[in-house]
Amino acid sequence: MAVPGPEGIVRVETTVDSREGAERVARSLIEHRLAACAQVSGPITSFYRWEGEVQTDEEWMVVAKTSADRVDGLTAHVVEVHPYDVPEVVAVPVTRGNASYLSWVGDETRGGGTA
């Protein structure tokens, strides 16, 4: 099935340095209706360069599903509540899937503002 609506559904990922922090970010996205659902998984091991040095850290991933027109608000919210100076926020469009599920994601993110 195709994605409902003109903007579609987006999968947004971020990583956080603790399970508790990832759960706070995920819950906050749902409470503010910026995402219909969010999963926390991990730990994962991340390798990256920061301030000129190669870093290795244990992190937890948050994957949120939202409407495309909510991505800017979701991104701003993650930047505000995230413990990192420069949090990863990567959005990937969902091009196909269960039409009922995708409609539910769209419906859940239509409330705007806070819950």
N, C-alpha and C. Protein backbone atom coordinates (compact mmCIF):
# COMPACT_ATOMS: atom_id res chain seq x y z
N MET A 1 0.83 -1.19 0.00
CA MET A 1 0.00 0.00 0.00
C MET A 1 0.88 1.26 0.00
N ALA A 2 0.42 2.28 -0.63
CA ALA A 2 1.14 3.55 -0.66
C ALA A 2 0.92 4.32 0.63
N VAL A 3 1.80 5.26 0.89
CA VAL A 3 1.73 6.09 2.08
C VAL A 3 0.53 7.04 1.95
N PRO A 4 -0.28 7.19 3.02
CA PRO A 4 -1.42 8.09 2.95
C PRO A 4 -1.00 9.56 2.99
N GLY A 5 -1.83 10.40 2.41
CA GLY A 5 -1.62 11.85 2.51
C GLY A 5 -0.53 12.34 1.60
N PRO A 6 -0.52 13.65 1.33
CA PRO A 6 0.45 14.22 0.40
C PRO A 6 1.87 14.25 0.95
N GLU A 7 2.02 14.36 2.26
CA GLU A 7 3.37 14.45 2.83
C GLU A 7 3.94 13.09 3.18
N GLY A 8 3.11 12.15 3.57
CA GLY A 8 3.56 10.82 3.91
C GLY A 8 4.05 10.68 5.33
N ILE A 9 4.64 9.53 5.58
CA ILE A 9 5.12 9.15 6.90
C ILE A 9 6.64 9.08 6.86
N VAL A 10 7.26 9.42 7.98
CA VAL A 10 8.71 9.48 8.07
C VAL A 10 9.16 8.70 9.31
N ARG A 11 10.30 8.06 9.18
CA ARG A 11 10.96 7.37 10.29
C ARG A 11 12.13 8.24 10.70
N VAL A 12 12.19 8.61 11.97
CA VAL A 12 13.23 9.52 12.46
C VAL A 12 14.06 8.78 13.51
N GLU A 13 15.38 8.89 13.40
CA GLU A 13 16.28 8.20 14.33
C GLU A 13 17.16 9.19 15.07
N THR A 14 17.43 8.88 16.34
CA THR A 14 18.42 9.60 17.12
C THR A 14 19.07 8.59 18.06
N THR A 15 20.22 8.93 18.60
CA THR A 15 20.88 8.08 19.59
C THR A 15 21.12 8.90 20.84
N VAL A 16 21.11 8.19 21.99
CA VAL A 16 21.27 8.82 23.30
C VAL A 16 22.24 7.97 24.11
N ASP A 17 22.92 8.58 25.06
CA ASP A 17 23.99 7.90 25.80
C ASP A 17 23.53 7.00 26.93
N SER A 18 22.24 6.93 27.22
CA SER A 18 21.75 6.01 28.25
C SER A 18 20.35 5.54 27.89
N ARG A 19 20.00 4.38 28.40
CA ARG A 19 18.65 3.86 28.17
C ARG A 19 17.61 4.81 28.74
N GLU A 20 17.86 5.31 29.95
CA GLU A 20 16.92 6.22 30.60
C GLU A 20 16.74 7.50 29.78
N GLY A 21 17.83 8.04 29.26
CA GLY A 21 17.76 9.23 28.42
C GLY A 21 16.98 8.98 27.14
N ALA A 22 17.22 7.82 26.52
CA ALA A 22 16.50 7.46 25.30
C ALA A 22 15.01 7.31 25.59
N GLU A 23 14.67 6.71 26.72
CA GLU A 23 13.27 6.55 27.08
C GLU A 23 12.62 7.91 27.34
N ARG A 24 13.35 8.84 27.95
CA ARG A 24 12.82 10.20 28.16
C ARG A 24 12.52 10.89 26.83
N VAL A 25 13.45 10.79 25.89
CA VAL A 25 13.25 11.41 24.57
C VAL A 25 12.04 10.77 23.89
N ALA A 26 11.97 9.44 23.88
CA ALA A 26 10.86 8.74 23.23
C ALA A 26 9.52 9.13 23.84
N ARG A 27 9.43 9.10 25.16
CA ARG A 27 8.17 9.44 25.84
C ARG A 27 7.77 10.89 25.55
N SER A 28 8.74 11.79 25.55
CA SER A 28 8.46 13.20 25.30
C SER A 28 7.90 13.41 23.89
N LEU A 29 8.42 12.68 22.91
CA LEU A 29 7.92 12.80 21.54
C LEU A 29 6.46 12.38 21.46
N ILE A 30 6.11 11.33 22.18
CA ILE A 30 4.73 10.85 22.18
C ILE A 30 3.83 11.82 22.94
N GLU A 31 4.28 12.26 24.11
CA GLU A 31 3.48 13.18 24.91
C GLU A 31 3.16 14.47 24.17
N HIS A 32 4.08 14.94 23.34
CA HIS A 32 3.89 16.18 22.58
C HIS A 32 3.28 15.94 21.20
N ARG A 33 2.85 14.71 20.93
CA ARG A 33 2.22 14.32 19.67
C ARG A 33 3.11 14.61 18.46
N LEU A 34 4.41 14.57 18.67
CA LEU A 34 5.35 14.76 17.58
C LEU A 34 5.64 13.45 16.85
N ALA A 35 5.29 12.34 17.47
CA ALA A 35 5.44 11.01 16.88
C ALA A 35 4.28 10.15 17.35
N ALA A 36 3.91 9.20 16.51
CA ALA A 36 2.84 8.27 16.88
C ALA A 36 3.38 7.15 17.76
N CYS A 37 4.59 6.75 17.53
CA CYS A 37 5.22 5.72 18.35
C CYS A 37 6.73 5.89 18.26
N ALA A 38 7.41 5.37 19.25
CA ALA A 38 8.87 5.43 19.28
C ALA A 38 9.38 4.18 19.98
N GLN A 39 10.41 3.59 19.44
CA GLN A 39 11.03 2.43 20.06
C GLN A 39 12.44 2.78 20.50
N VAL A 40 12.84 2.19 21.61
CA VAL A 40 14.20 2.32 22.12
C VAL A 40 14.85 0.97 21.99
N SER A 41 16.04 0.94 21.39
CA SER A 41 16.78 -0.31 21.29
C SER A 41 18.24 -0.06 21.62
N GLY A 42 18.88 -1.11 22.03
CA GLY A 42 20.30 -1.01 22.37
C GLY A 42 20.64 -1.96 23.48
N PRO A 43 21.83 -1.90 23.94
CA PRO A 43 22.82 -0.90 23.52
C PRO A 43 23.40 -1.21 22.14
N ILE A 44 23.86 -0.16 21.50
CA ILE A 44 24.59 -0.25 20.25
C ILE A 44 25.95 0.40 20.48
N THR A 45 26.91 0.09 19.64
CA THR A 45 28.22 0.72 19.74
C THR A 45 28.38 1.67 18.57
N SER A 46 28.65 2.93 18.87
CA SER A 46 28.81 3.96 17.84
C SER A 46 30.27 4.38 17.75
N PHE A 47 30.75 4.53 16.53
CA PHE A 47 32.09 5.02 16.24
C PHE A 47 31.93 6.31 15.45
N TYR A 48 32.63 7.36 15.84
CA TYR A 48 32.50 8.65 15.16
C TYR A 48 33.70 9.52 15.53
N ARG A 49 33.89 10.58 14.77
CA ARG A 49 34.94 11.54 15.07
C ARG A 49 34.28 12.75 15.71
N TRP A 50 34.81 13.20 16.86
CA TRP A 50 34.29 14.37 17.56
C TRP A 50 35.46 15.16 18.10
N GLU A 51 35.50 16.44 17.78
CA GLU A 51 36.56 17.33 18.23
C GLU A 51 37.94 16.77 17.90
N GLY A 52 38.05 16.22 16.68
CA GLY A 52 39.33 15.75 16.17
C GLY A 52 39.76 14.37 16.63
N GLU A 53 38.97 13.71 17.45
CA GLU A 53 39.34 12.40 17.97
C GLU A 53 38.29 11.36 17.58
N VAL A 54 38.76 10.14 17.28
CA VAL A 54 37.83 9.04 17.03
C VAL A 54 37.29 8.57 18.38
N GLN A 55 35.97 8.50 18.46
CA GLN A 55 35.29 8.12 19.69
C GLN A 55 34.57 6.78 19.49
N THR A 56 34.41 6.05 20.58
CA THR A 56 33.62 4.83 20.62
C THR A 56 32.75 4.92 21.86
N ASP A 57 31.43 4.84 21.68
CA ASP A 57 30.52 4.95 22.81
C ASP A 57 29.39 3.96 22.70
N GLU A 58 28.89 3.57 23.85
CA GLU A 58 27.68 2.77 23.92
C GLU A 58 26.50 3.73 23.92
N GLU A 59 25.53 3.47 23.05
CA GLU A 59 24.36 4.34 22.94
C GLU A 59 23.10 3.50 22.79
N TRP A 60 21.98 4.18 22.92
CA TRP A 60 20.66 3.58 22.69
C TRP A 60 20.01 4.36 21.56
N MET A 61 19.34 3.65 20.66
CA MET A 61 18.70 4.28 19.51
C MET A 61 17.21 4.48 19.78
N VAL A 62 16.73 5.64 19.39
CA VAL A 62 15.30 5.93 19.41
C VAL A 62 14.86 6.05 17.96
N VAL A 63 13.85 5.27 17.58
CA VAL A 63 13.27 5.33 16.24
C VAL A 63 11.82 5.75 16.41
N ALA A 64 11.47 6.87 15.82
CA ALA A 64 10.12 7.42 15.93
C ALA A 64 9.46 7.46 14.56
N LYS A 65 8.16 7.20 14.52
CA LYS A 65 7.39 7.32 13.29
C LYS A 65 6.48 8.52 13.41
N THR A 66 6.49 9.36 12.37
CA THR A 66 5.72 10.59 12.40
C THR A 66 5.27 10.96 10.99
N SER A 67 4.46 12.00 10.91
CA SER A 67 4.07 12.57 9.61
C SER A 67 5.18 13.49 9.13
N ALA A 68 5.37 13.56 7.82
CA ALA A 68 6.44 14.37 7.26
C ALA A 68 6.34 15.83 7.69
N ASP A 69 5.12 16.33 7.83
CA ASP A 69 4.97 17.74 8.21
C ASP A 69 5.24 17.99 9.69
N ARG A 70 5.53 16.96 10.46
CA ARG A 70 5.88 17.11 11.88
C ARG A 70 7.38 16.99 12.12
N VAL A 71 8.16 16.69 11.09
CA VAL A 71 9.60 16.45 11.26
C VAL A 71 10.33 17.67 11.79
N ASP A 72 10.02 18.86 11.30
CA ASP A 72 10.72 20.06 11.79
C ASP A 72 10.45 20.28 13.28
N GLY A 73 9.21 20.13 13.69
CA GLY A 73 8.88 20.27 15.11
C GLY A 73 9.52 19.19 15.95
N LEU A 74 9.52 17.95 15.45
CA LEU A 74 10.15 16.84 16.16
C LEU A 74 11.64 17.11 16.31
N THR A 75 12.28 17.55 15.23
CA THR A 75 13.72 17.84 15.27
C THR A 75 14.02 18.92 16.30
N ALA A 76 13.27 20.00 16.28
CA ALA A 76 13.49 21.09 17.25
C ALA A 76 13.30 20.59 18.67
N HIS A 77 12.33 19.74 18.89
CA HIS A 77 12.07 19.21 20.23
C HIS A 77 13.23 18.31 20.68
N VAL A 78 13.70 17.44 19.79
CA VAL A 78 14.83 16.58 20.14
C VAL A 78 16.04 17.42 20.51
N VAL A 79 16.34 18.45 19.72
CA VAL A 79 17.48 19.32 20.02
C VAL A 79 17.32 19.97 21.40
N GLU A 80 16.09 20.33 21.75
CA GLU A 80 15.83 20.98 23.04
C GLU A 80 15.99 20.03 24.23
N VAL A 81 15.50 18.78 24.10
CA VAL A 81 15.49 17.87 25.25
C VAL A 81 16.67 16.90 25.28
N HIS A 82 17.45 16.86 24.22
CA HIS A 82 18.53 15.87 24.09
C HIS A 82 19.74 16.29 24.92
N PRO A 83 20.45 15.31 25.52
CA PRO A 83 21.63 15.66 26.32
C PRO A 83 22.88 16.03 25.51
N TYR A 84 22.91 15.74 24.21
CA TYR A 84 24.10 16.03 23.40
C TYR A 84 24.09 17.46 22.89
N ASP A 85 25.29 18.00 22.65
CA ASP A 85 25.43 19.33 22.04
C ASP A 85 24.89 19.33 20.61
N VAL A 86 25.17 18.26 19.87
CA VAL A 86 24.74 18.14 18.47
C VAL A 86 24.10 16.76 18.30
N PRO A 87 22.83 16.62 18.65
CA PRO A 87 22.20 15.30 18.53
C PRO A 87 21.97 14.90 17.08
N GLU A 88 22.14 13.62 16.83
CA GLU A 88 21.78 13.05 15.54
C GLU A 88 20.25 13.08 15.41
N VAL A 89 19.76 13.60 14.31
CA VAL A 89 18.35 13.48 13.95
C VAL A 89 18.34 13.22 12.46
N VAL A 90 17.96 12.01 12.07
CA VAL A 90 17.95 11.61 10.68
C VAL A 90 16.55 11.16 10.32
N ALA A 91 15.97 11.74 9.29
CA ALA A 91 14.62 11.41 8.85
C ALA A 91 14.68 10.69 7.50
N VAL A 92 13.97 9.58 7.43
CA VAL A 92 13.92 8.79 6.21
C VAL A 92 12.46 8.58 5.83
N PRO A 93 12.07 8.94 4.60
CA PRO A 93 10.67 8.76 4.21
C PRO A 93 10.29 7.28 4.12
N VAL A 94 9.08 6.99 4.54
CA VAL A 94 8.51 5.65 4.40
C VAL A 94 7.73 5.65 3.09
N THR A 95 8.10 4.79 2.18
CA THR A 95 7.48 4.82 0.86
C THR A 95 6.34 3.82 0.71
N ARG A 96 6.30 2.79 1.54
CA ARG A 96 5.25 1.78 1.47
C ARG A 96 5.08 1.15 2.84
N GLY A 97 3.95 0.48 3.03
CA GLY A 97 3.72 -0.23 4.28
C GLY A 97 2.25 -0.54 4.46
N ASN A 98 1.90 -1.00 5.64
CA ASN A 98 0.53 -1.32 6.00
C ASN A 98 -0.28 -0.03 6.03
N ALA A 99 -1.22 0.12 5.13
CA ALA A 99 -1.98 1.36 5.00
C ALA A 99 -2.69 1.72 6.30
N SER A 100 -3.21 0.74 7.02
CA SER A 100 -3.90 1.02 8.28
C SER A 100 -2.93 1.59 9.31
N TYR A 101 -1.73 1.01 9.39
CA TYR A 101 -0.72 1.51 10.32
C TYR A 101 -0.29 2.92 9.95
N LEU A 102 -0.03 3.15 8.67
CA LEU A 102 0.43 4.46 8.22
C LEU A 102 -0.65 5.52 8.46
N SER A 103 -1.90 5.16 8.27
CA SER A 103 -3.00 6.09 8.57
C SER A 103 -3.04 6.40 10.05
N TRP A 104 -2.82 5.39 10.88
CA TRP A 104 -2.79 5.59 12.34
C TRP A 104 -1.68 6.57 12.72
N VAL A 105 -0.48 6.41 12.12
CA VAL A 105 0.61 7.34 12.41
C VAL A 105 0.19 8.76 12.06
N GLY A 106 -0.40 8.93 10.89
CA GLY A 106 -0.87 10.26 10.50
C GLY A 106 -1.90 10.81 11.47
N ASP A 107 -2.86 10.00 11.87
CA ASP A 107 -3.90 10.44 12.81
C ASP A 107 -3.31 10.83 14.16
N GLU A 108 -2.37 10.05 14.66
CA GLU A 108 -1.79 10.30 15.99
C GLU A 108 -0.96 11.57 16.05
N THR A 109 -0.45 12.01 14.93
CA THR A 109 0.39 13.20 14.91
C THR A 109 -0.37 14.44 14.46
N ARG A 110 -1.66 14.36 14.38
CA ARG A 110 -2.50 15.49 13.96
C ARG A 110 -2.94 16.35 15.12
N GLY A 111 -2.74 15.92 16.36
CA GLY A 111 -3.22 16.68 17.51
C GLY A 111 -2.50 17.99 17.71
N GLY A 112 -1.22 18.05 17.34
CA GLY A 112 -0.43 19.27 17.51
C GLY A 112 -0.26 19.64 18.96
N GLY A 113 0.69 20.51 19.23
CA GLY A 113 0.92 21.00 20.60
C GLY A 113 1.25 19.89 21.57
N THR A 114 0.83 20.07 22.81
CA THR A 114 1.07 19.05 23.82
C THR A 114 -0.20 18.25 24.04
N ALA A 115 -0.02 17.06 24.55
CA ALA A 115 -1.15 16.14 24.77
C ALA A 115 -2.07 16.65 25.86
